[in-house]
């Protein structure tokens, strides 16, 4: 999966992030600091998110590598593409379905409890930890990026994919935190209407990638085809 898609998902989908994570960003304990200190603190929070995404990406990429070695990568890519199409067509709320899984629901509750405790404390280290925990909250946009990381079939590339996704969300998240207000509701509604289009685009990308997965790219292969012996 091309790495540019990760940054694009983060950048174009960051309005969704503002709607989901904006309350956390605006409640960070940096109020009253000088402007450059506040910017640094917000960056610490966001870098915590990026690191959390990177750790997820490394695990997901390693998982995808297992499928690659087993010869299932093309089937996984096509299956993920079809799944994304179904989510887009039927407007499936992925986050709610994920939270119905007992283990994920317990993880979500634990993360929220820890966030509540850390938000009452101060210090740069706390902001970084808040960001890391925030990266574990259920988010449809993050799940889309995880699908891309799975398709990388490599631990390092999976980590890089997810980190680029996180970096793509930072500009708007930083602007929201510094402005001290949410992006207006009608903009968030418009973005949600665009999300199915994003899903369809990436679904087609995964399906095409899966269909072409076994096509050789070595130029010598095409030279050898020209010398195939023919029966008269």
Protein backbone atom coordinates (compact mmCIF):
# COMPACT_ATOMS: atom_id res chain seq x y z
CA UNK A 1 0.00 0.00 0.00
CA UNK A 2 1.43 3.40 -1.02
CA UNK A 3 2.48 5.42 2.01
CA UNK A 4 1.00 8.63 0.60
CA UNK A 5 -2.48 7.20 1.20
CA UNK A 6 -1.80 7.21 4.96
CA UNK A 7 -1.05 10.94 5.15
CA UNK A 8 -4.03 11.62 2.86
CA UNK A 9 -6.42 9.70 5.13
CA UNK A 10 -5.18 11.67 8.13
CA UNK A 11 -5.26 15.05 6.41
CA UNK A 12 -8.66 14.70 4.72
CA UNK A 13 -10.22 12.92 7.66
CA UNK A 14 -8.93 15.24 10.38
CA UNK A 15 -12.28 17.03 10.66
CA UNK A 16 -13.63 13.71 11.89
CA UNK A 17 -10.77 13.60 14.41
CA UNK A 18 -11.69 17.08 15.64
CA UNK A 19 -15.24 15.95 16.25
CA UNK A 20 -14.17 12.79 18.08
CA UNK A 21 -11.02 13.95 19.92
CA UNK A 22 -11.64 17.69 20.05
CA UNK A 23 -13.05 17.60 23.60
CA UNK A 24 -9.86 15.93 24.83
CA UNK A 25 -7.63 18.39 22.96
CA UNK A 26 -9.52 21.35 24.43
CA UNK A 27 -9.38 19.97 27.98
CA UNK A 28 -5.62 19.48 28.02
CA UNK A 29 -3.99 21.08 31.09
CA UNK A 30 -1.99 23.74 29.22
CA UNK A 31 -4.36 26.70 29.63
CA UNK A 32 -2.67 29.81 30.94
CA UNK A 33 0.69 28.93 29.41
CA UNK A 34 2.49 31.26 27.04
CA UNK A 35 1.64 30.67 23.42
CA UNK A 36 4.84 28.86 22.43
CA UNK A 37 4.61 26.67 25.55
CA UNK A 38 1.02 25.86 24.67
CA UNK A 39 2.01 24.91 21.11
CA UNK A 40 4.76 22.66 22.46
CA UNK A 41 2.37 20.98 24.88
CA UNK A 42 -0.24 20.34 22.20
CA UNK A 43 2.48 18.92 19.94
CA UNK A 44 3.53 16.59 22.76
CA UNK A 45 -0.03 15.35 23.02
CA UNK A 46 -0.25 14.77 19.27
CA UNK A 47 3.15 13.10 19.11
CA UNK A 48 1.88 10.71 21.77
CA UNK A 49 -0.98 9.84 19.43
CA UNK A 50 1.46 9.34 16.55
CA UNK A 51 3.62 6.98 18.61
CA UNK A 52 0.57 5.01 19.69
CA UNK A 53 -0.51 4.67 16.05
CA UNK A 54 3.03 3.62 15.13
CA UNK A 55 3.03 0.82 17.70
CA UNK A 56 -0.36 -0.35 16.43
CA UNK A 57 0.95 -0.21 12.87
CA UNK A 58 4.01 -2.31 13.66
CA UNK A 59 1.83 -5.03 15.19
CA UNK A 60 -0.67 -4.88 12.32
CA UNK A 61 2.11 -4.90 9.71
CA UNK A 62 3.66 -7.95 11.34
CA UNK A 63 0.24 -9.62 11.33
CA UNK A 64 -0.10 -8.82 7.63
CA UNK A 65 3.38 -10.26 7.04
CA UNK A 66 2.12 -13.58 8.36
CA UNK A 67 -0.62 -13.59 5.73
CA UNK A 68 1.93 -12.63 3.08
CA UNK A 69 4.20 -15.55 3.95
CA UNK A 70 1.22 -17.90 4.00
CA UNK A 71 0.22 -16.80 0.49
CA UNK A 72 -3.11 -15.26 1.56
CA UNK A 73 -2.25 -11.59 1.03
CA UNK A 74 -4.20 -11.18 -2.21
CA UNK A 75 -7.31 -12.79 -0.68
CA UNK A 76 -7.00 -10.61 2.43
CA UNK A 77 -6.70 -7.47 0.29
CA UNK A 78 -9.79 -8.35 -1.76
CA UNK A 79 -11.72 -9.32 1.37
CA UNK A 80 -10.86 -6.03 3.08
CA UNK A 81 -11.90 -4.13 -0.03
CA UNK A 82 -15.28 -5.86 -0.16
CA UNK A 83 -15.74 -5.20 3.58
CA UNK A 84 -15.06 -1.49 3.10
CA UNK A 85 -17.57 -1.40 0.22
CA UNK A 86 -20.26 -2.99 2.40
CA UNK A 87 -19.53 -0.51 5.21
CA UNK A 88 -19.86 2.41 2.77
CA UNK A 89 -23.00 1.16 1.00
CA UNK A 90 -24.92 0.18 4.14
CA UNK A 91 -23.53 3.00 6.36
CA UNK A 92 -22.39 0.53 9.01
CA UNK A 93 -21.29 2.14 12.28
CA UNK A 94 -17.98 0.32 12.71
CA UNK A 95 -17.19 1.94 16.05
CA UNK A 96 -20.40 0.71 17.68
CA UNK A 97 -19.89 -2.80 16.34
CA UNK A 98 -16.32 -2.85 17.63
CA UNK A 99 -17.49 -1.76 21.09
CA UNK A 100 -19.90 -4.70 21.21
CA UNK A 101 -16.88 -6.98 21.45
CA UNK A 102 -16.40 -7.51 25.23
CA UNK A 103 -12.61 -7.19 25.11
CA UNK A 104 -12.73 -3.96 23.09
CA UNK A 105 -15.44 -2.53 25.33
CA UNK A 106 -13.35 -3.23 28.45
CA UNK A 107 -10.30 -1.67 26.78
CA UNK A 108 -12.35 1.41 25.89
CA UNK A 109 -13.62 1.80 29.44
CA UNK A 110 -10.09 1.40 30.85
CA UNK A 111 -8.70 4.01 28.44
CA UNK A 112 -11.42 6.50 29.40
CA UNK A 113 -10.74 5.97 33.09
CA UNK A 114 -7.02 6.56 32.61
CA UNK A 115 -7.67 9.64 30.49
CA UNK A 116 -9.92 11.08 33.20
CA UNK A 117 -7.19 10.55 35.78
CA UNK A 118 -4.41 12.06 33.62
CA UNK A 119 -6.47 15.10 32.59
CA UNK A 120 -6.51 16.16 36.24
CA UNK A 121 -2.71 16.19 36.34
CA UNK A 122 -0.09 18.48 34.83
CA UNK A 123 3.30 18.09 33.21
CA UNK A 124 4.65 17.45 29.68
CA UNK A 125 4.93 13.73 30.36
CA UNK A 126 1.23 13.56 31.22
CA UNK A 127 0.32 15.23 27.93
CA UNK A 128 2.36 12.69 26.02
CA UNK A 129 0.66 9.81 27.86
CA UNK A 130 -2.77 11.34 27.20
CA UNK A 131 -1.93 11.34 23.50
CA UNK A 132 -0.83 7.72 23.58
CA UNK A 133 -4.02 6.66 25.35
CA UNK A 134 -6.10 8.73 22.96
CA UNK A 135 -4.66 6.67 20.11
CA UNK A 136 -6.37 3.59 21.57
CA UNK A 137 -9.89 5.03 21.53
CA UNK A 138 -12.30 3.50 18.96
CA UNK A 139 -12.29 5.53 15.74
CA UNK A 140 -13.54 4.57 12.29
CA UNK A 141 -10.85 6.69 10.64
CA UNK A 142 -8.10 4.90 12.59
CA UNK A 143 -9.58 1.55 11.57
CA UNK A 144 -9.38 2.64 7.92
CA UNK A 145 -5.70 3.42 8.40
CA UNK A 146 -5.18 0.07 10.15
CA UNK A 147 -6.55 -1.66 7.05
CA UNK A 148 -3.87 0.14 5.03
CA UNK A 149 -1.19 -0.89 7.53
CA UNK A 150 -2.32 -4.51 7.28
CA UNK A 151 -1.81 -4.38 3.51
CA UNK A 152 1.84 -3.30 3.91
CA UNK A 153 2.74 -6.82 5.13
CA UNK A 154 5.81 -5.44 6.95
CA UNK A 155 6.30 -4.38 10.56
CA UNK A 156 8.36 -1.24 9.80
CA UNK A 157 6.19 -0.15 6.87
CA UNK A 158 3.07 -0.76 8.96
CA UNK A 159 4.46 1.48 11.72
CA UNK A 160 5.45 4.15 9.19
CA UNK A 161 2.01 3.98 7.56
CA UNK A 162 0.19 4.59 10.82
CA UNK A 163 2.60 7.33 11.90
CA UNK A 164 2.11 9.17 8.61
CA UNK A 165 -1.63 8.90 9.17
CA UNK A 166 -1.21 10.46 12.61
CA UNK A 167 0.99 13.25 11.25
CA UNK A 168 -1.70 14.05 8.70
CA UNK A 169 -4.19 14.76 11.49
CA UNK A 170 -1.90 17.12 13.43
CA UNK A 171 -2.37 20.45 11.53
CA UNK A 172 -6.11 20.68 12.13
CA UNK A 173 -5.91 19.19 15.63
CA UNK A 174 -3.25 21.75 16.55
CA UNK A 175 -5.30 24.58 15.07
CA UNK A 176 -8.41 23.44 16.95
CA UNK A 177 -6.61 23.26 20.29
CA UNK A 178 -4.99 26.69 19.85
CA UNK A 179 -8.19 28.33 18.59
CA UNK A 180 -10.02 27.11 21.68
CA UNK A 181 -13.15 26.15 19.78
CA UNK A 182 -14.57 23.33 17.74
CA UNK A 183 -14.90 23.28 14.00
CA UNK A 184 -18.50 24.23 13.26
CA UNK A 185 -20.99 21.39 13.26
CA UNK A 186 -22.03 21.79 9.62
CA UNK A 187 -18.45 21.19 8.48
CA UNK A 188 -18.27 17.97 10.48
CA UNK A 189 -21.59 16.87 8.97
CA UNK A 190 -20.27 17.56 5.47
CA UNK A 191 -17.16 15.50 6.17
CA UNK A 192 -19.21 12.56 7.40
CA UNK A 193 -21.04 12.66 4.07
CA UNK A 194 -17.69 12.39 2.29
CA UNK A 195 -16.47 9.44 4.35
CA UNK A 196 -18.39 6.85 2.25
CA UNK A 197 -16.62 8.21 -0.84
CA UNK A 198 -13.26 7.74 0.91
CA UNK A 199 -14.27 4.20 1.84
CA UNK A 200 -15.29 3.33 -1.72
CA UNK A 201 -12.04 4.75 -3.13
CA UNK A 202 -9.88 2.74 -0.74
CA UNK A 203 -12.05 -0.35 -1.18
CA UNK A 204 -11.43 -0.28 -4.93
CA UNK A 205 -7.73 0.28 -4.27
CA UNK A 206 -7.56 -2.83 -2.06
CA UNK A 207 -9.55 -4.94 -4.51
CA UNK A 208 -7.37 -3.95 -7.46
CA UNK A 209 -4.26 -4.53 -5.40
CA UNK A 210 -5.48 -8.00 -4.49
CA UNK A 211 -6.34 -8.90 -8.08
CA UNK A 212 -2.90 -7.83 -9.31
CA UNK A 213 -0.97 -9.25 -6.39
CA UNK A 214 0.39 -12.27 -8.28
CA UNK A 215 1.41 -10.30 -11.40
CA UNK A 216 5.25 -10.41 -11.70
CA UNK A 217 7.00 -7.05 -11.93
CA UNK A 218 10.46 -8.33 -12.92
CA UNK A 219 11.24 -7.26 -16.49
CA UNK A 220 13.04 -10.55 -17.13
CA UNK A 221 9.72 -12.34 -16.78
CA UNK A 222 8.32 -10.52 -19.81
CA UNK A 223 11.50 -11.26 -21.79
CA UNK A 224 11.17 -14.95 -20.99
CA UNK A 225 7.57 -14.92 -22.22
CA UNK A 226 8.80 -13.95 -25.68
CA UNK A 227 10.99 -17.07 -25.81
CA UNK A 228 8.35 -19.62 -24.79
CA UNK A 229 8.68 -22.69 -27.04
CA UNK A 230 5.68 -23.14 -29.35
CA UNK A 231 4.38 -26.42 -30.75
CA UNK A 232 3.85 -26.50 -34.56
